[in-house]
Every structure is written in C-alpha cells, then in structure tokens.
C-alpha cells in the first residue's frame, strides 16, 4: 500500500469513526457557552449605558478596530466608545451568532450581527462584529481583540430578522 493510500485510508477511518465530525469536548462547550453569556453581558453594558461594566469586559491590553488603526487599552477604548455607551452617537446592539473556543482553553472567537440606530435621523444599519476573548488566570473572559464589518442600510424586515435571531441560551448547551 502506498503512503498516499495509507493516509487516505486513515482519513476515511477518522471520518467514519466520527473523530473529525465529533462534537466539541465538554470543556470546549462550557467555554463557548461562558463566552456566549459574556458577549450578551457585554452588549447589555452598552444597552444599560454602563461604562464601568463595559470596561470590565475589556482586557487591560485590548485592541479594538484591529483591521485598521486600532485603539489600544481598556481606558482608551472606553473613552472612544463613550458616545456609543451613553447612546448619544448611536444606539448599538449586538449578540453572538457563533462562538468557537480555542484548543488552549483560554481563547475563544465570537461573531454575530450588530444593529446601529441613529437617534437623530432614525436611520438603521446592520453590520457584523468579530471578537477574540481571553480567559484570565481568575477565570474571567475579557475581550482582547475586536473588529467589525461596516454596517449597511437596513430595512424593517432586516431589523426584524436581527431581533428574531437573538438567542439568550448558548446553542452548545
């Protein structure tokens, strides 16, 4: 049997046994659900206009806007986000649609839709966010990196789909 045939046989055996397609281990599911709830809590801090709670979700060395010129550090990010947190610039809401934990037990990625509502014009836009979370030595998940996709105008049906898509419970639970 050639090396290629042996590798192909091993790959097929792994697929057939469920090794590649198996559900994540319990520890991964627990981490994903913890980050899911933490992401919801992070969004709630903005909905509640609570700058202290917002800052508590940030790693001290976090970087936001990482695909461009990032803002670095908890204090700088909180300062930059003040008009969003207090709701004067935009009403911002978001929720996770997917959370995937890293194999190290200390990192996870969350992503989902974000709704931007302009309180002055009433214009509504929908974008997406992506965040990398880090579990501290104390076991607290904090955002380490954050970025998003520029929002696009949204009609009433898109806004309704946004609201309908929010799940309070982690799908991995």
C-alpha atoms as a PDB file:
ATOM      1  CA  UNK A   1       0.000   0.000   0.000  1.00  0.00           C
ATOM      2  CA  UNK A   2       1.428   3.386  -0.934  1.00  0.00           C
ATOM      3  CA  UNK A   3       1.902   6.160   1.603  1.00  0.00           C
ATOM      4  CA  UNK A   4      -0.877   8.186  -0.067  1.00  0.00           C
ATOM      5  CA  UNK A   5      -3.272   5.234   0.099  1.00  0.00           C
ATOM      6  CA  UNK A   6      -2.454   4.690   3.797  1.00  0.00           C
ATOM      7  CA  UNK A   7      -3.080   8.389   4.547  1.00  0.00           C
ATOM      8  CA  UNK A   8      -6.353   8.326   2.599  1.00  0.00           C
ATOM      9  CA  UNK A   9      -7.445   5.182   4.457  1.00  0.00           C
ATOM     10  CA  UNK A  10      -6.578   6.780   7.795  1.00  0.00           C
ATOM     11  CA  UNK A  11      -8.552   9.906   6.890  1.00  0.00           C
ATOM     12  CA  UNK A  12     -11.586   7.848   5.846  1.00  0.00           C
ATOM     13  CA  UNK A  13     -11.363   5.815   9.047  1.00  0.00           C
ATOM     14  CA  UNK A  14     -11.261   9.005  11.119  1.00  0.00           C
ATOM     15  CA  UNK A  15     -14.299  10.372   9.288  1.00  0.00           C
ATOM     16  CA  UNK A  16     -16.192   7.111   9.618  1.00  0.00           C
ATOM     17  CA  UNK A  17     -15.449   6.849  13.326  1.00  0.00           C
ATOM     18  CA  UNK A  18     -16.653  10.387  13.905  1.00  0.00           C
ATOM     19  CA  UNK A  19     -13.253  11.654  15.029  1.00  0.00           C
ATOM     20  CA  UNK A  20     -13.282  14.621  12.668  1.00  0.00           C
ATOM     21  CA  UNK A  21     -17.009  15.288  12.864  1.00  0.00           C
ATOM     22  CA  UNK A  22     -17.431  14.737  16.604  1.00  0.00           C
ATOM     23  CA  UNK A  23     -18.992  17.383  18.817  1.00  0.00           C
ATOM     24  CA  UNK A  24     -16.571  19.565  20.757  1.00  0.00           C
ATOM     25  CA  UNK A  25     -15.468  18.135  24.104  1.00  0.00           C
ATOM     26  CA  UNK A  26     -17.357  19.185  27.221  1.00  0.00           C
ATOM     27  CA  UNK A  27     -14.685  21.718  28.241  1.00  0.00           C
ATOM     28  CA  UNK A  28     -14.944  23.418  24.842  1.00  0.00           C
ATOM     29  CA  UNK A  29     -18.748  23.555  25.059  1.00  0.00           C
ATOM     30  CA  UNK A  30     -18.543  25.059  28.547  1.00  0.00           C
ATOM     31  CA  UNK A  31     -16.054  27.693  27.370  1.00  0.00           C
ATOM     32  CA  UNK A  32     -18.204  28.538  24.341  1.00  0.00           C
ATOM     33  CA  UNK A  33     -21.303  28.948  26.486  1.00  0.00           C
ATOM     34  CA  UNK A  34     -19.398  31.070  29.010  1.00  0.00           C
ATOM     35  CA  UNK A  35     -18.221  33.377  26.216  1.00  0.00           C
ATOM     36  CA  UNK A  36     -21.754  33.393  24.715  1.00  0.00           C
ATOM     37  CA  UNK A  37     -23.153  34.694  28.005  1.00  0.00           C
ATOM     38  CA  UNK A  38     -20.248  37.084  28.440  1.00  0.00           C
ATOM     39  CA  UNK A  39     -20.848  38.541  24.948  1.00  0.00           C
ATOM     40  CA  UNK A  40     -24.505  39.083  25.814  1.00  0.00           C
ATOM     41  CA  UNK A  41     -23.434  40.753  29.063  1.00  0.00           C
ATOM     42  CA  UNK A  42     -21.003  42.972  27.154  1.00  0.00           C
ATOM     43  CA  UNK A  43     -23.774  44.113  24.809  1.00  0.00           C
ATOM     44  CA  UNK A  44     -26.057  44.678  27.802  1.00  0.00           C
ATOM     45  CA  UNK A  45     -23.476  47.021  29.354  1.00  0.00           C
ATOM     46  CA  UNK A  46     -23.889  49.296  26.327  1.00  0.00           C
ATOM     47  CA  UNK A  47     -27.695  48.955  26.360  1.00  0.00           C
ATOM     48  CA  UNK A  48     -27.631  49.922  30.050  1.00  0.00           C
ATOM     49  CA  UNK A  49     -25.264  52.878  29.372  1.00  0.00           C
ATOM     50  CA  UNK A  50     -22.891  51.426  31.971  1.00  0.00           C
ATOM     51  CA  UNK A  51     -19.320  52.489  31.162  1.00  0.00           C
ATOM     52  CA  UNK A  52     -17.882  50.700  34.209  1.00  0.00           C
ATOM     53  CA  UNK A  53     -19.484  47.390  33.212  1.00  0.00           C
ATOM     54  CA  UNK A  54     -18.346  47.931  29.609  1.00  0.00           C
ATOM     55  CA  UNK A  55     -14.735  48.482  30.736  1.00  0.00           C
ATOM     56  CA  UNK A  56     -14.859  45.397  32.962  1.00  0.00           C
ATOM     57  CA  UNK A  57     -15.428  43.251  29.841  1.00  0.00           C
ATOM     58  CA  UNK A  58     -12.204  44.536  28.268  1.00  0.00           C
ATOM     59  CA  UNK A  59      -8.776  43.009  28.728  1.00  0.00           C
ATOM     60  CA  UNK A  60      -6.400  45.748  30.005  1.00  0.00           C
ATOM     61  CA  UNK A  61      -4.387  45.420  26.769  1.00  0.00           C
ATOM     62  CA  UNK A  62      -7.350  45.036  24.391  1.00  0.00           C
ATOM     63  CA  UNK A  63      -7.236  46.354  20.835  1.00  0.00           C
ATOM     64  CA  UNK A  64     -10.393  47.479  19.005  1.00  0.00           C
ATOM     65  CA  UNK A  65     -10.646  48.167  15.283  1.00  0.00           C
ATOM     66  CA  UNK A  66      -7.822  45.717  14.626  1.00  0.00           C
ATOM     67  CA  UNK A  67      -8.193  45.655  10.822  1.00  0.00           C
ATOM     68  CA  UNK A  68      -7.445  49.369  10.648  1.00  0.00           C
ATOM     69  CA  UNK A  69      -5.573  51.606  13.066  1.00  0.00           C
ATOM     70  CA  UNK A  70      -6.553  50.007  16.379  1.00  0.00           C
ATOM     71  CA  UNK A  71      -7.394  51.726  19.609  1.00  0.00           C
ATOM     72  CA  UNK A  72      -5.367  50.057  22.351  1.00  0.00           C
ATOM     73  CA  UNK A  73      -6.002  49.648  26.060  1.00  0.00           C
ATOM     74  CA  UNK A  74      -9.084  49.465  28.243  1.00  0.00           C
ATOM     75  CA  UNK A  75      -9.146  53.177  29.144  1.00  0.00           C
ATOM     76  CA  UNK A  76      -8.642  54.419  25.583  1.00  0.00           C
ATOM     77  CA  UNK A  77     -11.303  52.074  24.200  1.00  0.00           C
ATOM     78  CA  UNK A  78     -13.812  53.041  26.893  1.00  0.00           C
ATOM     79  CA  UNK A  79     -13.125  56.721  26.220  1.00  0.00           C
ATOM     80  CA  UNK A  80     -13.555  56.248  22.453  1.00  0.00           C
ATOM     81  CA  UNK A  81     -16.779  54.289  22.970  1.00  0.00           C
ATOM     82  CA  UNK A  82     -18.323  56.817  25.401  1.00  0.00           C
ATOM     83  CA  UNK A  83     -20.766  58.245  22.787  1.00  0.00           C
ATOM     84  CA  UNK A  84     -21.905  54.694  21.994  1.00  0.00           C
ATOM     85  CA  UNK A  85     -22.130  53.665  25.631  1.00  0.00           C
ATOM     86  CA  UNK A  86     -24.153  56.724  26.609  1.00  0.00           C
ATOM     87  CA  UNK A  87     -26.293  56.396  23.458  1.00  0.00           C
ATOM     88  CA  UNK A  88     -25.731  59.924  22.171  1.00  0.00           C
ATOM     89  CA  UNK A  89     -23.968  58.899  18.931  1.00  0.00           C
ATOM     90  CA  UNK A  90     -25.825  55.691  18.124  1.00  0.00           C
ATOM     91  CA  UNK A  91     -27.872  53.053  19.807  1.00  0.00           C
ATOM     92  CA  UNK A  92     -25.751  49.953  19.301  1.00  0.00           C
ATOM     93  CA  UNK A  93     -26.895  46.411  19.975  1.00  0.00           C
ATOM     94  CA  UNK A  94     -25.361  43.067  19.103  1.00  0.00           C
ATOM     95  CA  UNK A  95     -25.367  39.417  20.028  1.00  0.00           C
ATOM     96  CA  UNK A  96     -23.295  36.356  19.249  1.00  0.00           C
ATOM     97  CA  UNK A  97     -24.365  34.090  16.420  1.00  0.00           C
ATOM     98  CA  UNK A  98     -21.355  31.806  16.789  1.00  0.00           C
ATOM     99  CA  UNK A  99     -18.726  31.185  19.445  1.00  0.00           C
ATOM    100  CA  UNK A 100     -15.771  28.871  18.935  1.00  0.00           C
ATOM    101  CA  UNK A 101     -13.258  28.096  21.650  1.00  0.00           C
ATOM    102  CA  UNK A 102      -9.564  27.600  21.036  1.00  0.00           C
ATOM    103  CA  UNK A 103      -7.840  24.384  21.969  1.00  0.00           C
ATOM    104  CA  UNK A 104      -5.889  26.124  24.726  1.00  0.00           C
ATOM    105  CA  UNK A 105      -8.944  26.730  26.933  1.00  0.00           C
ATOM    106  CA  UNK A 106      -8.031  30.404  27.211  1.00  0.00           C
ATOM    107  CA  UNK A 107      -9.153  31.876  23.890  1.00  0.00           C
ATOM    108  CA  UNK A 108     -12.428  31.998  22.015  1.00  0.00           C
ATOM    109  CA  UNK A 109     -13.856  33.783  18.985  1.00  0.00           C
ATOM    110  CA  UNK A 110     -17.358  35.234  18.858  1.00  0.00           C
ATOM    111  CA  UNK A 111     -19.142  36.780  15.920  1.00  0.00           C
ATOM    112  CA  UNK A 112     -22.601  37.994  15.084  1.00  0.00           C
ATOM    113  CA  UNK A 113     -24.761  40.825  13.803  1.00  0.00           C
ATOM    114  CA  UNK A 114     -24.719  44.388  15.106  1.00  0.00           C
ATOM    115  CA  UNK A 115     -27.579  46.881  14.823  1.00  0.00           C
ATOM    116  CA  UNK A 116     -26.816  50.617  14.650  1.00  0.00           C
ATOM    117  CA  UNK A 117     -29.714  53.013  15.201  1.00  0.00           C
ATOM    118  CA  UNK A 118     -29.161  56.747  14.793  1.00  0.00           C
ATOM    119  CA  UNK A 119     -31.245  58.558  17.453  1.00  0.00           C
ATOM    120  CA  UNK A 120     -31.210  61.810  15.454  1.00  0.00           C
ATOM    121  CA  UNK A 121     -32.138  60.572  11.969  1.00  0.00           C
ATOM    122  CA  UNK A 122     -33.811  57.259  12.756  1.00  0.00           C
ATOM    123  CA  UNK A 123     -31.576  55.578  10.177  1.00  0.00           C
ATOM    124  CA  UNK A 124     -30.869  51.936  10.895  1.00  0.00           C
ATOM    125  CA  UNK A 125     -27.857  49.935   9.740  1.00  0.00           C
ATOM    126  CA  UNK A 126     -26.719  46.361  10.257  1.00  0.00           C
ATOM    127  CA  UNK A 127     -23.117  45.173  10.344  1.00  0.00           C
ATOM    128  CA  UNK A 128     -21.185  42.330  11.938  1.00  0.00           C
ATOM    129  CA  UNK A 129     -18.632  42.071  14.702  1.00  0.00           C
ATOM    130  CA  UNK A 130     -15.875  39.628  15.497  1.00  0.00           C
ATOM    131  CA  UNK A 131     -14.195  39.423  18.893  1.00  0.00           C
ATOM    132  CA  UNK A 132     -11.400  37.356  20.368  1.00  0.00           C
ATOM    133  CA  UNK A 133     -11.888  36.618  24.063  1.00  0.00           C
ATOM    134  CA  UNK A 134      -9.205  35.666  26.571  1.00  0.00           C
ATOM    135  CA  UNK A 135      -9.782  33.843  29.864  1.00  0.00           C
ATOM    136  CA  UNK A 136      -7.721  35.419  32.641  1.00  0.00           C
ATOM    137  CA  UNK A 137      -5.973  33.500  35.413  1.00  0.00           C
ATOM    138  CA  UNK A 138      -9.001  34.365  37.574  1.00  0.00           C
ATOM    139  CA  UNK A 139     -11.285  32.631  35.040  1.00  0.00           C
ATOM    140  CA  UNK A 140     -12.892  35.832  33.708  1.00  0.00           C
ATOM    141  CA  UNK A 141     -13.429  36.095  29.945  1.00  0.00           C
ATOM    142  CA  UNK A 142     -12.378  39.502  28.558  1.00  0.00           C
ATOM    143  CA  UNK A 143     -12.317  40.889  25.023  1.00  0.00           C
ATOM    144  CA  UNK A 144      -8.760  41.010  23.724  1.00  0.00           C
ATOM    145  CA  UNK A 145      -9.375  41.901  20.053  1.00  0.00           C
ATOM    146  CA  UNK A 146     -12.470  43.343  18.397  1.00  0.00           C
ATOM    147  CA  UNK A 147     -13.405  44.425  14.897  1.00  0.00           C
ATOM    148  CA  UNK A 148     -16.387  44.593  12.622  1.00  0.00           C
ATOM    149  CA  UNK A 149     -17.735  44.881   9.125  1.00  0.00           C
ATOM    150  CA  UNK A 150     -19.040  48.296   8.131  1.00  0.00           C
ATOM    151  CA  UNK A 151     -22.801  48.488   8.574  1.00  0.00           C
ATOM    152  CA  UNK A 152     -25.160  48.754   5.611  1.00  0.00           C
ATOM    153  CA  UNK A 153     -28.609  50.362   5.496  1.00  0.00           C
ATOM    154  CA  UNK A 154     -31.287  48.065   6.835  1.00  0.00           C
ATOM    155  CA  UNK A 155     -34.991  47.973   6.103  1.00  0.00           C
ATOM    156  CA  UNK A 156     -37.673  46.998   8.616  1.00  0.00           C
ATOM    157  CA  UNK A 157     -37.513  43.320   7.581  1.00  0.00           C
ATOM    158  CA  UNK A 158     -33.733  43.176   8.182  1.00  0.00           C
ATOM    159  CA  UNK A 159     -34.185  44.810  11.591  1.00  0.00           C
ATOM    160  CA  UNK A 160     -36.874  42.255  12.462  1.00  0.00           C
ATOM    161  CA  UNK A 161     -34.561  39.393  11.394  1.00  0.00           C
ATOM    162  CA  UNK A 162     -31.885  40.889  13.654  1.00  0.00           C
ATOM    163  CA  UNK A 163     -34.252  40.886  16.641  1.00  0.00           C
ATOM    164  CA  UNK A 164     -35.607  37.421  15.823  1.00  0.00           C
ATOM    165  CA  UNK A 165     -32.086  35.969  15.590  1.00  0.00           C
ATOM    166  CA  UNK A 166     -31.061  36.765  19.168  1.00  0.00           C
ATOM    167  CA  UNK A 167     -30.793  33.695  21.368  1.00  0.00           C
ATOM    168  CA  UNK A 168     -30.412  34.077  25.118  1.00  0.00           C
ATOM    169  CA  UNK A 169     -29.242  30.483  25.507  1.00  0.00           C
ATOM    170  CA  UNK A 170     -25.988  29.157  24.137  1.00  0.00           C
ATOM    171  CA  UNK A 171     -26.713  26.659  21.318  1.00  0.00           C
ATOM    172  CA  UNK A 172     -23.886  24.401  22.570  1.00  0.00           C
ATOM    173  CA  UNK A 173     -25.586  23.993  25.984  1.00  0.00           C
END
